[in-house]
Amino acid sequence: MKKIDPDKLRRAVSLYAGGKPISEVVSISGIGRSTIYRELDRLGIPRQSKAKR
């Protein structure tokens, strides 16, 4: 597992929490979907449902 820049991960989580779809966050940040989801779970941020978009 490679080391991920904490600032980059924080920005990716902020984008997702701000309403961007996960596919867009992954393409912008270059961080994998599972890594972003793992950080969201760790921070207690709920995942977006397709109905809310």
PDB file of N, CA and C in Angstrom:
ATOM      1  N   MET A   1       0.849  -1.176   0.000  1.00  0.00           N
ATOM      2  CA  MET A   1       0.000   0.000   0.000  1.00  0.00           C
ATOM      3  C   MET A   1       0.893   1.236   0.000  1.00  0.00           C
ATOM      4  N   LYS A   2       0.679   2.101  -0.984  1.00  0.00           N
ATOM      5  CA  LYS A   2       1.530   3.278  -1.049  1.00  0.00           C
ATOM      6  C   LYS A   2       1.026   4.390  -0.136  1.00  0.00           C
ATOM      7  N   LYS A   3       1.931   5.242   0.262  1.00  0.00           N
ATOM      8  CA  LYS A   3       1.616   6.355   1.164  1.00  0.00           C
ATOM      9  C   LYS A   3       0.860   7.433   0.393  1.00  0.00           C
ATOM     10  N   ILE A   4      -0.222   7.910   0.974  1.00  0.00           N
ATOM     11  CA  ILE A   4      -1.041   8.951   0.342  1.00  0.00           C
ATOM     12  C   ILE A   4      -0.887  10.241   1.123  1.00  0.00           C
ATOM     13  N   ASP A   5      -0.725  11.315   0.399  1.00  0.00           N
ATOM     14  CA  ASP A   5      -0.577  12.636   1.013  1.00  0.00           C
ATOM     15  C   ASP A   5      -1.842  12.969   1.807  1.00  0.00           C
ATOM     16  N   PRO A   6      -1.721  13.246   3.105  1.00  0.00           N
ATOM     17  CA  PRO A   6      -2.895  13.523   3.935  1.00  0.00           C
ATOM     18  C   PRO A   6      -3.701  14.747   3.464  1.00  0.00           C
ATOM     19  N   ASP A   7      -3.018  15.759   2.946  1.00  0.00           N
ATOM     20  CA  ASP A   7      -3.732  16.942   2.446  1.00  0.00           C
ATOM     21  C   ASP A   7      -4.570  16.598   1.213  1.00  0.00           C
ATOM     22  N   LYS A   8      -4.007  15.765   0.346  1.00  0.00           N
ATOM     23  CA  LYS A   8      -4.716  15.333  -0.857  1.00  0.00           C
ATOM     24  C   LYS A   8      -5.954  14.509  -0.483  1.00  0.00           C
ATOM     25  N   LEU A   9      -5.802  13.641   0.502  1.00  0.00           N
ATOM     26  CA  LEU A   9      -6.916  12.813   0.970  1.00  0.00           C
ATOM     27  C   LEU A   9      -7.984  13.685   1.626  1.00  0.00           C
ATOM     28  N   ARG A  10      -7.561  14.659   2.403  1.00  0.00           N
ATOM     29  CA  ARG A  10      -8.501  15.577   3.059  1.00  0.00           C
ATOM     30  C   ARG A  10      -9.301  16.368   2.013  1.00  0.00           C
ATOM     31  N   ARG A  11      -8.625  16.815   0.950  1.00  0.00           N
ATOM     32  CA  ARG A  11      -9.326  17.536  -0.123  1.00  0.00           C
ATOM     33  C   ARG A  11     -10.331  16.635  -0.832  1.00  0.00           C
ATOM     34  N   ALA A  12      -9.960  15.380  -1.057  1.00  0.00           N
ATOM     35  CA  ALA A  12     -10.864  14.437  -1.718  1.00  0.00           C
ATOM     36  C   ALA A  12     -12.105  14.200  -0.864  1.00  0.00           C
ATOM     37  N   VAL A  13     -11.920  14.031   0.436  1.00  0.00           N
ATOM     38  CA  VAL A  13     -13.051  13.827   1.347  1.00  0.00           C
ATOM     39  C   VAL A  13     -13.929  15.079   1.370  1.00  0.00           C
ATOM     40  N   SER A  14     -13.315  16.250   1.333  1.00  0.00           N
ATOM     41  CA  SER A  14     -14.082  17.496   1.318  1.00  0.00           C
ATOM     42  C   SER A  14     -14.920  17.626   0.056  1.00  0.00           C
ATOM     43  N   LEU A  15     -14.353  17.255  -1.070  1.00  0.00           N
ATOM     44  CA  LEU A  15     -15.113  17.293  -2.322  1.00  0.00           C
ATOM     45  C   LEU A  15     -16.327  16.374  -2.242  1.00  0.00           C
ATOM     46  N   TYR A  16     -16.096  15.162  -1.726  1.00  0.00           N
ATOM     47  CA  TYR A  16     -17.188  14.197  -1.619  1.00  0.00           C
ATOM     48  C   TYR A  16     -18.255  14.691  -0.647  1.00  0.00           C
ATOM     49  N   ALA A  17     -17.818  15.210   0.489  1.00  0.00           N
ATOM     50  CA  ALA A  17     -18.765  15.714   1.484  1.00  0.00           C
ATOM     51  C   ALA A  17     -19.512  16.927   0.950  1.00  0.00           C
ATOM     52  N   GLY A  18     -18.905  17.643   0.015  1.00  0.00           N
ATOM     53  CA  GLY A  18     -19.540  18.810  -0.594  1.00  0.00           C
ATOM     54  C   GLY A  18     -20.553  18.461  -1.673  1.00  0.00           C
ATOM     55  N   GLY A  19     -20.655  17.174  -2.026  1.00  0.00           N
ATOM     56  CA  GLY A  19     -21.693  16.762  -2.961  1.00  0.00           C
ATOM     57  C   GLY A  19     -21.211  16.210  -4.287  1.00  0.00           C
ATOM     58  N   LYS A  20     -19.904  16.185  -4.516  1.00  0.00           N
ATOM     59  CA  LYS A  20     -19.402  15.634  -5.779  1.00  0.00           C
ATOM     60  C   LYS A  20     -19.577  14.115  -5.779  1.00  0.00           C
ATOM     61  N   PRO A  21     -19.916  13.532  -6.913  1.00  0.00           N
ATOM     62  CA  PRO A  21     -20.009  12.062  -6.998  1.00  0.00           C
ATOM     63  C   PRO A  21     -18.623  11.431  -6.833  1.00  0.00           C
ATOM     64  N   ILE A  22     -18.583  10.221  -6.320  1.00  0.00           N
ATOM     65  CA  ILE A  22     -17.317   9.548  -6.031  1.00  0.00           C
ATOM     66  C   ILE A  22     -16.468   9.391  -7.289  1.00  0.00           C
ATOM     67  N   SER A  23     -17.077   9.141  -8.431  1.00  0.00           N
ATOM     68  CA  SER A  23     -16.303   8.969  -9.664  1.00  0.00           C
ATOM     69  C   SER A  23     -15.560  10.250 -10.031  1.00  0.00           C
ATOM     70  N   GLU A  24     -16.195  11.390  -9.805  1.00  0.00           N
ATOM     71  CA  GLU A  24     -15.562  12.670 -10.089  1.00  0.00           C
ATOM     72  C   GLU A  24     -14.439  12.955  -9.089  1.00  0.00           C
ATOM     73  N   VAL A  25     -14.654  12.633  -7.827  1.00  0.00           N
ATOM     74  CA  VAL A  25     -13.636  12.840  -6.797  1.00  0.00           C
ATOM     75  C   VAL A  25     -12.404  11.985  -7.098  1.00  0.00           C
ATOM     76  N   VAL A  26     -12.619  10.740  -7.528  1.00  0.00           N
ATOM     77  CA  VAL A  26     -11.515   9.848  -7.860  1.00  0.00           C
ATOM     78  C   VAL A  26     -10.712  10.402  -9.030  1.00  0.00           C
ATOM     79  N   SER A  27     -11.402  10.894 -10.061  1.00  0.00           N
ATOM     80  CA  SER A  27     -10.680  11.416 -11.226  1.00  0.00           C
ATOM     81  C   SER A  27      -9.938  12.708 -10.905  1.00  0.00           C
ATOM     82  N   ILE A  28     -10.494  13.547 -10.047  1.00  0.00           N
ATOM     83  CA  ILE A  28      -9.835  14.801  -9.676  1.00  0.00           C
ATOM     84  C   ILE A  28      -8.627  14.548  -8.781  1.00  0.00           C
ATOM     85  N   SER A  29      -8.804  13.692  -7.771  1.00  0.00           N
ATOM     86  CA  SER A  29      -7.755  13.512  -6.765  1.00  0.00           C
ATOM     87  C   SER A  29      -6.708  12.475  -7.149  1.00  0.00           C
ATOM     88  N   GLY A  30      -7.100  11.491  -7.935  1.00  0.00           N
ATOM     89  CA  GLY A  30      -6.178  10.413  -8.269  1.00  0.00           C
ATOM     90  C   GLY A  30      -6.054   9.376  -7.163  1.00  0.00           C
ATOM     91  N   ILE A  31      -6.916   9.463  -6.169  1.00  0.00           N
ATOM     92  CA  ILE A  31      -6.926   8.513  -5.048  1.00  0.00           C
ATOM     93  C   ILE A  31      -8.024   7.494  -5.319  1.00  0.00           C
ATOM     94  N   GLY A  32      -7.776   6.245  -4.992  1.00  0.00           N
ATOM     95  CA  GLY A  32      -8.724   5.174  -5.244  1.00  0.00           C
ATOM     96  C   GLY A  32     -10.009   5.299  -4.441  1.00  0.00           C
ATOM     97  N   ARG A  33     -11.056   4.762  -5.010  1.00  0.00           N
ATOM     98  CA  ARG A  33     -12.386   4.800  -4.392  1.00  0.00           C
ATOM     99  C   ARG A  33     -12.392   4.145  -3.018  1.00  0.00           C
ATOM    100  N   SER A  34     -11.745   3.000  -2.894  1.00  0.00           N
ATOM    101  CA  SER A  34     -11.760   2.293  -1.604  1.00  0.00           C
ATOM    102  C   SER A  34     -11.026   3.080  -0.530  1.00  0.00           C
ATOM    103  N   THR A  35      -9.952   3.771  -0.906  1.00  0.00           N
ATOM    104  CA  THR A  35      -9.212   4.581   0.064  1.00  0.00           C
ATOM    105  C   THR A  35     -10.070   5.742   0.551  1.00  0.00           C
ATOM    106  N   ILE A  36     -10.798   6.364  -0.358  1.00  0.00           N
ATOM    107  CA  ILE A  36     -11.676   7.480   0.019  1.00  0.00           C
ATOM    108  C   ILE A  36     -12.804   6.962   0.911  1.00  0.00           C
ATOM    109  N   TYR A  37     -13.409   5.838   0.543  1.00  0.00           N
ATOM    110  CA  TYR A  37     -14.475   5.267   1.366  1.00  0.00           C
ATOM    111  C   TYR A  37     -13.970   4.883   2.752  1.00  0.00           C
ATOM    112  N   ARG A  38     -12.756   4.351   2.829  1.00  0.00           N
ATOM    113  CA  ARG A  38     -12.176   3.973   4.120  1.00  0.00           C
ATOM    114  C   ARG A  38     -12.017   5.204   5.013  1.00  0.00           C
ATOM    115  N   GLU A  39     -11.567   6.306   4.430  1.00  0.00           N
ATOM    116  CA  GLU A  39     -11.401   7.545   5.198  1.00  0.00           C
ATOM    117  C   GLU A  39     -12.754   8.116   5.613  1.00  0.00           C
ATOM    118  N   LEU A  40     -13.746   8.032   4.738  1.00  0.00           N
ATOM    119  CA  LEU A  40     -15.093   8.489   5.086  1.00  0.00           C
ATOM    120  C   LEU A  40     -15.638   7.697   6.270  1.00  0.00           C
ATOM    121  N   ASP A  41     -15.455   6.390   6.239  1.00  0.00           N
ATOM    122  CA  ASP A  41     -15.914   5.539   7.345  1.00  0.00           C
ATOM    123  C   ASP A  41     -15.190   5.890   8.639  1.00  0.00           C
ATOM    124  N   ARG A  42     -13.887   6.144   8.535  1.00  0.00           N
ATOM    125  CA  ARG A  42     -13.100   6.485   9.715  1.00  0.00           C
ATOM    126  C   ARG A  42     -13.563   7.803  10.334  1.00  0.00           C
ATOM    127  N   LEU A  43     -13.945   8.757   9.480  1.00  0.00           N
ATOM    128  CA  LEU A  43     -14.395  10.066   9.956  1.00  0.00           C
ATOM    129  C   LEU A  43     -15.882  10.094  10.322  1.00  0.00           C
ATOM    130  N   GLY A  44     -16.602   9.031   9.987  1.00  0.00           N
ATOM    131  CA  GLY A  44     -18.026   8.968  10.306  1.00  0.00           C
ATOM    132  C   GLY A  44     -18.895   9.756   9.346  1.00  0.00           C
ATOM    133  N   ILE A  45     -18.404   9.978   8.128  1.00  0.00           N
ATOM    134  CA  ILE A  45     -19.178  10.701   7.118  1.00  0.00           C
ATOM    135  C   ILE A  45     -19.987   9.675   6.326  1.00  0.00           C
ATOM    136  N   PRO A  46     -21.319   9.853   6.273  1.00  0.00           N
ATOM    137  CA  PRO A  46     -22.139   8.875   5.549  1.00  0.00           C
ATOM    138  C   PRO A  46     -21.905   8.944   4.042  1.00  0.00           C
ATOM    139  N   ARG A  47     -22.068   7.804   3.398  1.00  0.00           N
ATOM    140  CA  ARG A  47     -21.933   7.753   1.938  1.00  0.00           C
ATOM    141  C   ARG A  47     -23.192   8.297   1.287  1.00  0.00           C
ATOM    142  N   GLN A  48     -23.022   8.894   0.113  1.00  0.00           N
ATOM    143  CA  GLN A  48     -24.159   9.459  -0.617  1.00  0.00           C
ATOM    144  C   GLN A  48     -24.950   8.337  -1.265  1.00  0.00           C
ATOM    145  N   SER A  49     -26.260   8.469  -1.234  1.00  0.00           N
ATOM    146  CA  SER A  49     -27.074   7.494  -1.950  1.00  0.00           C
ATOM    147  C   SER A  49     -27.414   8.061  -3.313  1.00  0.00           C
ATOM    148  N   LYS A  50     -27.700   7.186  -4.274  1.00  0.00           N
ATOM    149  CA  LYS A  50     -28.012   7.647  -5.629  1.00  0.00           C
ATOM    150  C   LYS A  50     -29.294   8.475  -5.650  1.00  0.00           C
ATOM    151  N   ALA A  51     -30.191   8.220  -4.708  1.00  0.00           N
ATOM    152  CA  ALA A  51     -31.458   8.941  -4.666  1.00  0.00           C
ATOM    153  C   ALA A  51     -31.256  10.404  -4.274  1.00  0.00           C
ATOM    154  N   LYS A  52     -30.211  10.702  -3.503  1.00  0.00           N
ATOM    155  CA  LYS A  52     -29.981  12.072  -3.053  1.00  0.00           C
ATOM    156  C   LYS A  52     -29.353  12.951  -4.115  1.00  0.00           C
ATOM    157  N   ARG A  53     -28.777  12.366  -5.155  1.00  0.00           N
ATOM    158  CA  ARG A  53     -28.101  13.154  -6.177  1.00  0.00           C
ATOM    159  C   ARG A  53     -29.037  13.803  -7.117  1.00  0.00           C
TER     160      ARG A  53
END
